[in-house]
């Protein structure tokens, strides 16, 4: 599948374009076509706000998981379940927000 999330300069989600394909080469071509349609593409570090796009029975996006972490600020890149928390330095964890991280009370029950 080729997927392209679009954002404005302030990090607000403008929309998500999906191009379903199961073949990796076809997905790369579809993504290249989606990128070719964008004006002024520049690669670099970005800051985005949480967002959700639903397609094919899945939630895609950067979802605020703070409530699932007892108030600790935390976001999940979905559906990959890559977790991000302070200090937001680019590192991530792969413990789903809905599961307890090792050492939390749920693990000691």
PDB file of N, CA and C in Angstrom:
ATOM      1  N   UNK A   1       0.839  -1.162   0.000  1.00  0.00           N
ATOM      2  CA  UNK A   1       0.000   0.000   0.000  1.00  0.00           C
ATOM      3  C   UNK A   1       0.892   1.235   0.000  1.00  0.00           C
ATOM      4  N   UNK A   2       0.528   2.201  -0.797  1.00  0.00           N
ATOM      5  CA  UNK A   2       1.190   3.501  -0.764  1.00  0.00           C
ATOM      6  C   UNK A   2       0.301   4.439   0.041  1.00  0.00           C
ATOM      7  N   UNK A   3       0.924   5.190   0.921  1.00  0.00           N
ATOM      8  CA  UNK A   3       0.174   6.063   1.816  1.00  0.00           C
ATOM      9  C   UNK A   3       0.931   7.370   1.950  1.00  0.00           C
ATOM     10  N   UNK A   4       0.217   8.490   1.848  1.00  0.00           N
ATOM     11  CA  UNK A   4       0.838   9.798   1.970  1.00  0.00           C
ATOM     12  C   UNK A   4      -0.023  10.672   2.876  1.00  0.00           C
ATOM     13  N   UNK A   5       0.518  11.032   4.046  1.00  0.00           N
ATOM     14  CA  UNK A   5      -0.150  11.983   4.937  1.00  0.00           C
ATOM     15  C   UNK A   5       0.303  13.377   4.522  1.00  0.00           C
ATOM     16  N   UNK A   6      -0.643  14.314   4.412  1.00  0.00           N
ATOM     17  CA  UNK A   6      -0.322  15.695   4.031  1.00  0.00           C
ATOM     18  C   UNK A   6      -0.607  16.627   5.208  1.00  0.00           C
ATOM     19  N   UNK A   7       0.299  17.620   5.408  1.00  0.00           N
ATOM     20  CA  UNK A   7       0.207  18.560   6.523  1.00  0.00           C
ATOM     21  C   UNK A   7       0.433  19.983   6.037  1.00  0.00           C
ATOM     22  N   UNK A   8      -0.129  20.947   6.777  1.00  0.00           N
ATOM     23  CA  UNK A   8       0.167  22.346   6.484  1.00  0.00           C
ATOM     24  C   UNK A   8       1.444  22.744   7.226  1.00  0.00           C
ATOM     25  N   UNK A   9       1.952  23.950   7.015  1.00  0.00           N
ATOM     26  CA  UNK A   9       3.207  24.358   7.666  1.00  0.00           C
ATOM     27  C   UNK A   9       3.144  24.361   9.201  1.00  0.00           C
ATOM     28  N   UNK A  10       1.941  24.414   9.780  1.00  0.00           N
ATOM     29  CA  UNK A  10       1.797  24.392  11.240  1.00  0.00           C
ATOM     30  C   UNK A  10       1.647  22.984  11.802  1.00  0.00           C
ATOM     31  N   UNK A  11       1.726  21.958  10.950  1.00  0.00           N
ATOM     32  CA  UNK A  11       1.644  20.573  11.404  1.00  0.00           C
ATOM     33  C   UNK A  11       0.237  20.015  11.494  1.00  0.00           C
ATOM     34  N   UNK A  12      -0.752  20.741  10.970  1.00  0.00           N
ATOM     35  CA  UNK A  12      -2.135  20.246  10.970  1.00  0.00           C
ATOM     36  C   UNK A  12      -2.331  19.281   9.806  1.00  0.00           C
ATOM     37  N   UNK A  13      -3.009  18.188  10.083  1.00  0.00           N
ATOM     38  CA  UNK A  13      -3.265  17.158   9.065  1.00  0.00           C
ATOM     39  C   UNK A  13      -4.268  17.691   8.048  1.00  0.00           C
ATOM     40  N   UNK A  14      -3.888  17.672   6.780  1.00  0.00           N
ATOM     41  CA  UNK A  14      -4.769  18.122   5.711  1.00  0.00           C
ATOM     42  C   UNK A  14      -5.509  16.971   5.043  1.00  0.00           C
ATOM     43  N   UNK A  15      -4.945  15.786   5.103  1.00  0.00           N
ATOM     44  CA  UNK A  15      -5.576  14.637   4.482  1.00  0.00           C
ATOM     45  C   UNK A  15      -4.569  13.524   4.278  1.00  0.00           C
ATOM     46  N   UNK A  16      -5.086  12.357   3.935  1.00  0.00           N
ATOM     47  CA  UNK A  16      -4.250  11.190   3.675  1.00  0.00           C
ATOM     48  C   UNK A  16      -4.683  10.573   2.363  1.00  0.00           C
ATOM     49  N   UNK A  17      -3.719  10.292   1.516  1.00  0.00           N
ATOM     50  CA  UNK A  17      -3.982   9.631   0.242  1.00  0.00           C
ATOM     51  C   UNK A  17      -3.521   8.189   0.339  1.00  0.00           C
ATOM     52  N   UNK A  18      -4.396   7.266  -0.058  1.00  0.00           N
ATOM     53  CA  UNK A  18      -4.104   5.839  -0.037  1.00  0.00           C
ATOM     54  C   UNK A  18      -4.143   5.307  -1.464  1.00  0.00           C
ATOM     55  N   UNK A  19      -3.226   4.420  -1.778  1.00  0.00           N
ATOM     56  CA  UNK A  19      -3.236   3.721  -3.047  1.00  0.00           C
ATOM     57  C   UNK A  19      -3.010   2.247  -2.744  1.00  0.00           C
ATOM     58  N   UNK A  20      -4.100   1.465  -2.672  1.00  0.00           N
ATOM     59  CA  UNK A  20      -3.958   0.060  -2.263  1.00  0.00           C
ATOM     60  C   UNK A  20      -3.264  -0.783  -3.334  1.00  0.00           C
ATOM     61  N   UNK A  21      -2.249  -1.491  -2.903  1.00  0.00           N
ATOM     62  CA  UNK A  21      -1.571  -2.467  -3.746  1.00  0.00           C
ATOM     63  C   UNK A  21      -0.776  -3.379  -2.824  1.00  0.00           C
ATOM     64  N   UNK A  22      -0.696  -4.637  -3.153  1.00  0.00           N
ATOM     65  CA  UNK A  22       0.035  -5.586  -2.306  1.00  0.00           C
ATOM     66  C   UNK A  22       1.452  -5.803  -2.825  1.00  0.00           C
ATOM     67  N   UNK A  23       1.730  -5.421  -4.041  1.00  0.00           N
ATOM     68  CA  UNK A  23       3.022  -5.645  -4.686  1.00  0.00           C
ATOM     69  C   UNK A  23       3.980  -4.512  -4.316  1.00  0.00           C
ATOM     70  N   UNK A  24       5.122  -4.811  -3.688  1.00  0.00           N
ATOM     71  CA  UNK A  24       6.041  -3.745  -3.245  1.00  0.00           C
ATOM     72  C   UNK A  24       6.477  -2.782  -4.349  1.00  0.00           C
ATOM     73  N   UNK A  25       6.815  -3.283  -5.535  1.00  0.00           N
ATOM     74  CA  UNK A  25       7.244  -2.389  -6.617  1.00  0.00           C
ATOM     75  C   UNK A  25       6.106  -1.464  -7.044  1.00  0.00           C
ATOM     76  N   UNK A  26       4.895  -1.992  -7.084  1.00  0.00           N
ATOM     77  CA  UNK A  26       3.742  -1.169  -7.452  1.00  0.00           C
ATOM     78  C   UNK A  26       3.470  -0.118  -6.383  1.00  0.00           C
ATOM     79  N   UNK A  27       3.672  -0.472  -5.120  1.00  0.00           N
ATOM     80  CA  UNK A  27       3.475   0.492  -4.029  1.00  0.00           C
ATOM     81  C   UNK A  27       4.499   1.621  -4.126  1.00  0.00           C
ATOM     82  N   UNK A  28       5.749   1.291  -4.452  1.00  0.00           N
ATOM     83  CA  UNK A  28       6.776   2.328  -4.604  1.00  0.00           C
ATOM     84  C   UNK A  28       6.444   3.254  -5.766  1.00  0.00           C
ATOM     85  N   UNK A  29       5.957   2.704  -6.862  1.00  0.00           N
ATOM     86  CA  UNK A  29       5.563   3.538  -8.010  1.00  0.00           C
ATOM     87  C   UNK A  29       4.377   4.425  -7.644  1.00  0.00           C
ATOM     88  N   UNK A  30       3.403   3.860  -6.924  1.00  0.00           N
ATOM     89  CA  UNK A  30       2.224   4.636  -6.523  1.00  0.00           C
ATOM     90  C   UNK A  30       2.628   5.772  -5.584  1.00  0.00           C
ATOM     91  N   UNK A  31       3.537   5.503  -4.648  1.00  0.00           N
ATOM     92  CA  UNK A  31       3.994   6.557  -3.745  1.00  0.00           C
ATOM     93  C   UNK A  31       4.741   7.640  -4.520  1.00  0.00           C
ATOM     94  N   UNK A  32       5.575   7.257  -5.462  1.00  0.00           N
ATOM     95  CA  UNK A  32       6.287   8.237  -6.289  1.00  0.00           C
ATOM     96  C   UNK A  32       5.292   9.124  -7.032  1.00  0.00           C
ATOM     97  N   UNK A  33       4.204   8.549  -7.534  1.00  0.00           N
ATOM     98  CA  UNK A  33       3.178   9.330  -8.226  1.00  0.00           C
ATOM     99  C   UNK A  33       2.497  10.302  -7.274  1.00  0.00           C
ATOM    100  N   UNK A  34       2.190   9.838  -6.039  1.00  0.00           N
ATOM    101  CA  UNK A  34       1.572  10.728  -5.056  1.00  0.00           C
ATOM    102  C   UNK A  34       2.507  11.897  -4.722  1.00  0.00           C
ATOM    103  N   UNK A  35       3.789  11.609  -4.551  1.00  0.00           N
ATOM    104  CA  UNK A  35       4.761  12.661  -4.239  1.00  0.00           C
ATOM    105  C   UNK A  35       4.940  13.621  -5.408  1.00  0.00           C
ATOM    106  N   UNK A  36       4.901  13.098  -6.640  1.00  0.00           N
ATOM    107  CA  UNK A  36       5.045  13.948  -7.824  1.00  0.00           C
ATOM    108  C   UNK A  36       3.922  14.973  -7.929  1.00  0.00           C
ATOM    109  N   UNK A  37       2.759  14.662  -7.355  1.00  0.00           N
ATOM    110  CA  UNK A  37       1.619  15.573  -7.412  1.00  0.00           C
ATOM    111  C   UNK A  37       1.738  16.732  -6.422  1.00  0.00           C
ATOM    112  N   UNK A  38       2.667  16.623  -5.457  1.00  0.00           N
ATOM    113  CA  UNK A  38       2.831  17.672  -4.448  1.00  0.00           C
ATOM    114  C   UNK A  38       3.693  18.806  -4.986  1.00  0.00           C
ATOM    115  N   UNK A  39       3.287  20.043  -4.723  1.00  0.00           N
ATOM    116  CA  UNK A  39       4.139  21.160  -5.145  1.00  0.00           C
ATOM    117  C   UNK A  39       5.261  21.390  -4.138  1.00  0.00           C
ATOM    118  N   UNK A  40       6.460  21.659  -4.629  1.00  0.00           N
ATOM    119  CA  UNK A  40       7.565  22.077  -3.776  1.00  0.00           C
ATOM    120  C   UNK A  40       7.947  21.108  -2.682  1.00  0.00           C
ATOM    121  N   UNK A  41       8.130  19.833  -2.991  1.00  0.00           N
ATOM    122  CA  UNK A  41       8.505  18.846  -1.983  1.00  0.00           C
ATOM    123  C   UNK A  41       9.913  19.148  -1.470  1.00  0.00           C
ATOM    124  N   UNK A  42      10.052  19.181  -0.141  1.00  0.00           N
ATOM    125  CA  UNK A  42      11.353  19.359   0.504  1.00  0.00           C
ATOM    126  C   UNK A  42      11.422  18.365   1.658  1.00  0.00           C
ATOM    127  N   UNK A  43      12.528  17.672   1.786  1.00  0.00           N
ATOM    128  CA  UNK A  43      12.699  16.679   2.836  1.00  0.00           C
ATOM    129  C   UNK A  43      13.439  17.307   4.010  1.00  0.00           C
ATOM    130  N   UNK A  44      12.991  16.995   5.230  1.00  0.00           N
ATOM    131  CA  UNK A  44      13.640  17.514   6.426  1.00  0.00           C
ATOM    132  C   UNK A  44      12.838  17.142   7.654  1.00  0.00           C
ATOM    133  N   UNK A  45      13.301  17.609   8.797  1.00  0.00           N
ATOM    134  CA  UNK A  45      12.606  17.356  10.054  1.00  0.00           C
ATOM    135  C   UNK A  45      11.293  18.145  10.076  1.00  0.00           C
ATOM    136  N   UNK A  46      10.260  17.524  10.626  1.00  0.00           N
ATOM    137  CA  UNK A  46       8.955  18.186  10.708  1.00  0.00           C
ATOM    138  C   UNK A  46       8.370  17.998  12.106  1.00  0.00           C
ATOM    139  N   UNK A  47       7.415  18.818  12.439  1.00  0.00           N
ATOM    140  CA  UNK A  47       6.613  18.659  13.652  1.00  0.00           C
ATOM    141  C   UNK A  47       5.162  18.601  13.204  1.00  0.00           C
ATOM    142  N   UNK A  48       4.450  17.579  13.689  1.00  0.00           N
ATOM    143  CA  UNK A  48       3.042  17.445  13.320  1.00  0.00           C
ATOM    144  C   UNK A  48       2.199  17.328  14.574  1.00  0.00           C
ATOM    145  N   UNK A  49       0.919  17.637  14.420  1.00  0.00           N
ATOM    146  CA  UNK A  49      -0.036  17.502  15.513  1.00  0.00           C
ATOM    147  C   UNK A  49      -0.704  16.122  15.407  1.00  0.00           C
ATOM    148  N   UNK A  50      -1.213  15.599  16.520  1.00  0.00           N
ATOM    149  CA  UNK A  50      -1.903  14.303  16.450  1.00  0.00           C
ATOM    150  C   UNK A  50      -3.040  14.342  15.422  1.00  0.00           C
ATOM    151  N   UNK A  51      -3.255  13.199  14.760  1.00  0.00           N
ATOM    152  CA  UNK A  51      -4.312  13.090  13.753  1.00  0.00           C
ATOM    153  C   UNK A  51      -4.681  11.624  13.579  1.00  0.00           C
ATOM    154  N   UNK A  52      -5.830  11.392  12.986  1.00  0.00           N
ATOM    155  CA  UNK A  52      -6.275  10.030  12.676  1.00  0.00           C
ATOM    156  C   UNK A  52      -6.915  10.044  11.289  1.00  0.00           C
ATOM    157  N   UNK A  53      -6.568   9.064  10.485  1.00  0.00           N
ATOM    158  CA  UNK A  53      -7.224   8.813   9.210  1.00  0.00           C
ATOM    159  C   UNK A  53      -7.635   7.346   9.230  1.00  0.00           C
ATOM    160  N   UNK A  54      -8.873   7.058   8.856  1.00  0.00           N
ATOM    161  CA  UNK A  54      -9.346   5.680   8.853  1.00  0.00           C
ATOM    162  C   UNK A  54      -9.467   5.173   7.426  1.00  0.00           C
ATOM    163  N   UNK A  55      -8.927   3.983   7.183  1.00  0.00           N
ATOM    164  CA  UNK A  55      -9.036   3.357   5.873  1.00  0.00           C
ATOM    165  C   UNK A  55      -8.754   1.869   6.006  1.00  0.00           C
ATOM    166  N   UNK A  56      -9.458   1.098   5.233  1.00  0.00           N
ATOM    167  CA  UNK A  56      -9.249  -0.348   5.176  1.00  0.00           C
ATOM    168  C   UNK A  56      -9.376  -0.999   6.555  1.00  0.00           C
ATOM    169  N   UNK A  57     -10.270  -0.473   7.380  1.00  0.00           N
ATOM    170  CA  UNK A  57     -10.519  -1.051   8.698  1.00  0.00           C
ATOM    171  C   UNK A  57      -9.458  -0.749   9.735  1.00  0.00           C
ATOM    172  N   UNK A  58      -8.536   0.174   9.445  1.00  0.00           N
ATOM    173  CA  UNK A  58      -7.462   0.516  10.370  1.00  0.00           C
ATOM    174  C   UNK A  58      -7.433   2.007  10.637  1.00  0.00           C
ATOM    175  N   UNK A  59      -6.905   2.373  11.797  1.00  0.00           N
ATOM    176  CA  UNK A  59      -6.619   3.763  12.096  1.00  0.00           C
ATOM    177  C   UNK A  59      -5.168   4.028  11.741  1.00  0.00           C
ATOM    178  N   UNK A  60      -4.924   5.074  10.983  1.00  0.00           N
ATOM    179  CA  UNK A  60      -3.593   5.495  10.577  1.00  0.00           C
ATOM    180  C   UNK A  60      -3.379   6.872  11.171  1.00  0.00           C
ATOM    181  N   UNK A  61      -2.233   7.129  11.739  1.00  0.00           N
ATOM    182  CA  UNK A  61      -1.973   8.471  12.220  1.00  0.00           C
ATOM    183  C   UNK A  61      -1.099   8.502  13.449  1.00  0.00           C
ATOM    184  N   UNK A  62      -1.028   9.677  14.023  1.00  0.00           N
ATOM    185  CA  UNK A  62      -0.311   9.907  15.270  1.00  0.00           C
ATOM    186  C   UNK A  62      -1.370  10.147  16.326  1.00  0.00           C
ATOM    187  N   UNK A  63      -1.584   9.155  17.176  1.00  0.00           N
ATOM    188  CA  UNK A  63      -2.713   9.160  18.104  1.00  0.00           C
ATOM    189  C   UNK A  63      -2.228   9.443  19.519  1.00  0.00           C
ATOM    190  N   UNK A  64      -2.916  10.356  20.186  1.00  0.00           N
ATOM    191  CA  UNK A  64      -2.577  10.730  21.562  1.00  0.00           C
ATOM    192  C   UNK A  64      -2.931   9.571  22.486  1.00  0.00           C
ATOM    193  N   UNK A  65      -1.914   8.972  23.092  1.00  0.00           N
ATOM    194  CA  UNK A  65      -2.117   7.854  24.013  1.00  0.00           C
ATOM    195  C   UNK A  65      -1.857   8.235  25.457  1.00  0.00           C
ATOM    196  N   UNK A  66      -1.873   9.529  25.757  1.00  0.00           N
ATOM    197  CA  UNK A  66      -1.570  10.020  27.103  1.00  0.00           C
ATOM    198  C   UNK A  66      -2.492   9.403  28.149  1.00  0.00           C
ATOM    199  N   UNK A  67      -3.783   9.297  27.848  1.00  0.00           N
ATOM    200  CA  UNK A  67      -4.736   8.744  28.815  1.00  0.00           C
ATOM    201  C   UNK A  67      -4.412   7.297  29.161  1.00  0.00           C
ATOM    202  N   UNK A  68      -3.844   6.557  28.206  1.00  0.00           N
ATOM    203  CA  UNK A  68      -3.483   5.154  28.435  1.00  0.00           C
ATOM    204  C   UNK A  68      -2.188   5.002  29.228  1.00  0.00           C
ATOM    205  N   UNK A  69      -1.493   6.089  29.466  1.00  0.00           N
ATOM    206  CA  UNK A  69      -0.202   6.066  30.166  1.00  0.00           C
ATOM    207  C   UNK A  69      -0.260   6.837  31.481  1.00  0.00           C
ATOM    208  N   UNK A  70      -1.404   6.821  32.124  1.00  0.00           N
ATOM    209  CA  UNK A  70      -1.565   7.474  33.432  1.00  0.00           C
ATOM    210  C   UNK A  70      -1.119   8.928  33.405  1.00  0.00           C
ATOM    211  N   UNK A  71      -1.424   9.636  32.306  1.00  0.00           N
ATOM    212  CA  UNK A  71      -1.119  11.059  32.215  1.00  0.00           C
ATOM    213  C   UNK A  71       0.259  11.394  31.685  1.00  0.00           C
ATOM    214  N   UNK A  72       1.121  10.398  31.456  1.00  0.00           N
ATOM    215  CA  UNK A  72       2.430  10.677  30.863  1.00  0.00           C
ATOM    216  C   UNK A  72       2.228  10.940  29.376  1.00  0.00           C
ATOM    217  N   UNK A  73       2.727  12.066  28.891  1.00  0.00           N
ATOM    218  CA  UNK A  73       2.520  12.427  27.492  1.00  0.00           C
ATOM    219  C   UNK A  73       3.121  11.361  26.579  1.00  0.00           C
ATOM    220  N   UNK A  74       2.283  10.796  25.699  1.00  0.00           N
ATOM    221  CA  UNK A  74       2.693   9.680  24.856  1.00  0.00           C
ATOM    222  C   UNK A  74       1.830   9.662  23.596  1.00  0.00           C
ATOM    223  N   UNK A  75       2.459   9.377  22.463  1.00  0.00           N
ATOM    224  CA  UNK A  75       1.759   9.305  21.183  1.00  0.00           C
ATOM    225  C   UNK A  75       2.155   8.025  20.473  1.00  0.00           C
ATOM    226  N   UNK A  76       1.221   7.461  19.723  1.00  0.00           N
ATOM    227  CA  UNK A  76       1.447   6.216  18.984  1.00  0.00           C
ATOM    228  C   UNK A  76       1.295   6.476  17.491  1.00  0.00           C
ATOM    229  N   UNK A  77       2.302   6.076  16.705  1.00  0.00           N
ATOM    230  CA  UNK A  77       2.180   6.089  15.258  1.00  0.00           C
ATOM    231  C   UNK A  77       1.471   4.794  14.880  1.00  0.00           C
ATOM    232  N   UNK A  78       0.278   4.918  14.329  1.00  0.00           N
ATOM    233  CA  UNK A  78      -0.543   3.754  14.031  1.00  0.00           C
ATOM    234  C   UNK A  78      -0.679   3.569  12.524  1.00  0.00           C
ATOM    235  N   UNK A  79      -0.801   2.344  12.054  1.00  0.00           N
ATOM    236  CA  UNK A  79      -1.003   1.118  12.808  1.00  0.00           C
ATOM    237  C   UNK A  79       0.292   0.424  13.232  1.00  0.00           C
ATOM    238  N   UNK A  80       1.442   1.057  13.018  1.00  0.00           N
ATOM    239  CA  UNK A  80       2.714   0.421  13.348  1.00  0.00           C
ATOM    240  C   UNK A  80       2.954   0.294  14.853  1.00  0.00           C
ATOM    241  N   UNK A  81       2.211   1.014  15.657  1.00  0.00           N
ATOM    242  CA  UNK A  81       2.341   1.010  17.116  1.00  0.00           C
ATOM    243  C   UNK A  81       3.744   1.412  17.570  1.00  0.00           C
ATOM    244  N   UNK A  82       4.291   2.452  16.952  1.00  0.00           N
ATOM    245  CA  UNK A  82       5.548   3.021  17.408  1.00  0.00           C
ATOM    246  C   UNK A  82       5.214   4.118  18.411  1.00  0.00           C
ATOM    247  N   UNK A  83       5.720   3.989  19.626  1.00  0.00           N
ATOM    248  CA  UNK A  83       5.380   4.925  20.690  1.00  0.00           C
ATOM    249  C   UNK A  83       6.431   6.000  20.871  1.00  0.00           C
ATOM    250  N   UNK A  84       5.958   7.231  21.073  1.00  0.00           N
ATOM    251  CA  UNK A  84       6.838   8.372  21.290  1.00  0.00           C
ATOM    252  C   UNK A  84       6.437   9.080  22.575  1.00  0.00           C
ATOM    253  N   UNK A  85       7.412   9.411  23.403  1.00  0.00           N
ATOM    254  CA  UNK A  85       7.153  10.148  24.636  1.00  0.00           C
ATOM    255  C   UNK A  85       8.278  11.128  24.891  1.00  0.00           C
ATOM    256  N   UNK A  86       8.066  11.983  25.877  1.00  0.00           N
ATOM    257  CA  UNK A  86       9.074  12.991  26.226  1.00  0.00           C
ATOM    258  C   UNK A  86      10.406  12.290  26.459  1.00  0.00           C
ATOM    259  N   UNK A  87      11.476  12.834  25.989  1.00  0.00           N
ATOM    260  CA  UNK A  87      11.705  14.207  25.527  1.00  0.00           C
ATOM    261  C   UNK A  87      11.490  14.409  24.028  1.00  0.00           C
ATOM    262  N   UNK A  88      10.810  13.532  23.323  1.00  0.00           N
ATOM    263  CA  UNK A  88      10.518  13.669  21.900  1.00  0.00           C
ATOM    264  C   UNK A  88      11.787  13.957  21.097  1.00  0.00           C
ATOM    265  N   UNK A  89      12.754  13.068  21.258  1.00  0.00           N
ATOM    266  CA  UNK A  89      14.058  13.228  20.620  1.00  0.00           C
ATOM    267  C   UNK A  89      14.246  12.320  19.404  1.00  0.00           C
ATOM    268  N   UNK A  90      13.156  11.716  18.933  1.00  0.00           N
ATOM    269  CA  UNK A  90      13.248  10.844  17.771  1.00  0.00           C
ATOM    270  C   UNK A  90      13.326   9.372  18.124  1.00  0.00           C
ATOM    271  N   UNK A  91      13.579   9.051  19.395  1.00  0.00           N
ATOM    272  CA  UNK A  91      13.579   7.654  19.819  1.00  0.00           C
ATOM    273  C   UNK A  91      12.136   7.192  19.978  1.00  0.00           C
ATOM    274  N   UNK A  92      11.913   5.907  19.861  1.00  0.00           N
ATOM    275  CA  UNK A  92      10.561   5.372  20.002  1.00  0.00           C
ATOM    276  C   UNK A  92      10.608   4.027  20.703  1.00  0.00           C
ATOM    277  N   UNK A  93       9.423   3.597  21.184  1.00  0.00           N
ATOM    278  CA  UNK A  93       9.319   2.265  21.774  1.00  0.00           C
ATOM    279  C   UNK A  93       8.274   1.484  21.001  1.00  0.00           C
ATOM    280  N   UNK A  94       8.302   0.174  21.153  1.00  0.00           N
ATOM    281  CA  UNK A  94       7.347  -0.668  20.442  1.00  0.00           C
ATOM    282  C   UNK A  94       6.348  -1.331  21.379  1.00  0.00           C
ATOM    283  N   UNK A  95       6.246  -0.846  22.629  1.00  0.00           N
ATOM    284  CA  UNK A  95       5.193  -1.323  23.518  1.00  0.00           C
ATOM    285  C   UNK A  95       3.924  -0.601  23.149  1.00  0.00           C
ATOM    286  N   UNK A  96       2.879  -1.300  22.767  1.00  0.00           N
ATOM    287  CA  UNK A  96       1.626  -0.614  22.435  1.00  0.00           C
ATOM    288  C   UNK A  96       1.126   0.203  23.619  1.00  0.00           C
ATOM    289  N   UNK A  97       0.522   1.335  23.324  1.00  0.00           N
ATOM    290  CA  UNK A  97      -0.001   2.217  24.376  1.00  0.00           C
ATOM    291  C   UNK A  97      -1.040   1.500  25.227  1.00  0.00           C
ATOM    292  N   UNK A  98      -1.726   0.550  24.653  1.00  0.00           N
ATOM    293  CA  UNK A  98      -2.789  -0.132  25.381  1.00  0.00           C
ATOM    294  C   UNK A  98      -2.257  -1.256  26.266  1.00  0.00           C
ATOM    295  N   UNK A  99      -0.960  -1.522  26.169  1.00  0.00           N
ATOM    296  CA  UNK A  99      -0.334  -2.546  27.001  1.00  0.00           C
ATOM    297  C   UNK A  99       0.579  -1.874  28.013  1.00  0.00           C
ATOM    298  N   UNK A 100       0.775  -2.504  29.130  1.00  0.00           N
ATOM    299  CA  UNK A 100       1.647  -1.945  30.159  1.00  0.00           C
ATOM    300  C   UNK A 100       3.103  -2.147  29.778  1.00  0.00           C
ATOM    301  N   UNK A 101       3.898  -1.127  29.982  1.00  0.00           N
ATOM    302  CA  UNK A 101       5.334  -1.252  29.777  1.00  0.00           C
ATOM    303  C   UNK A 101       5.928  -2.064  30.946  1.00  0.00           C
ATOM    304  N   UNK A 102       7.057  -2.757  30.722  1.00  0.00           N
ATOM    305  CA  UNK A 102       7.667  -3.528  31.811  1.00  0.00           C
ATOM    306  C   UNK A 102       7.901  -2.657  33.048  1.00  0.00           C
ATOM    307  N   UNK A 103       7.636  -3.244  34.196  1.00  0.00           N
ATOM    308  CA  UNK A 103       7.842  -2.520  35.441  1.00  0.00           C
ATOM    309  C   UNK A 103       6.636  -1.759  35.933  1.00  0.00           C
ATOM    310  N   UNK A 104       5.598  -1.661  35.107  1.00  0.00           N
ATOM    311  CA  UNK A 104       4.384  -0.954  35.535  1.00  0.00           C
ATOM    312  C   UNK A 104       3.556  -1.891  36.404  1.00  0.00           C
ATOM    313  N   UNK A 105       2.621  -1.317  37.113  1.00  0.00           N
ATOM    314  CA  UNK A 105       1.817  -2.066  38.072  1.00  0.00           C
ATOM    315  C   UNK A 105       1.137  -3.276  37.452  1.00  0.00           C
ATOM    316  N   UNK A 106       0.692  -3.156  36.204  1.00  0.00           N
ATOM    317  CA  UNK A 106       0.001  -4.273  35.567  1.00  0.00           C
ATOM    318  C   UNK A 106       0.916  -5.481  35.420  1.00  0.00           C
ATOM    319  N   UNK A 107       2.224  -5.268  35.311  1.00  0.00           N
ATOM    320  CA  UNK A 107       3.165  -6.375  35.198  1.00  0.00           C
ATOM    321  C   UNK A 107       3.409  -7.084  36.518  1.00  0.00           C
ATOM    322  N   UNK A 108       3.132  -6.424  37.620  1.00  0.00           N
ATOM    323  CA  UNK A 108       3.422  -7.005  38.927  1.00  0.00           C
ATOM    324  C   UNK A 108       2.211  -7.670  39.529  1.00  0.00           C
ATOM    325  N   UNK A 109       1.108  -7.697  38.836  1.00  0.00           N
ATOM    326  CA  UNK A 109      -0.115  -8.304  39.388  1.00  0.00           C
ATOM    327  C   UNK A 109      -0.080  -9.803  39.270  1.00  0.00           C
TER     328      UNK A 109
END
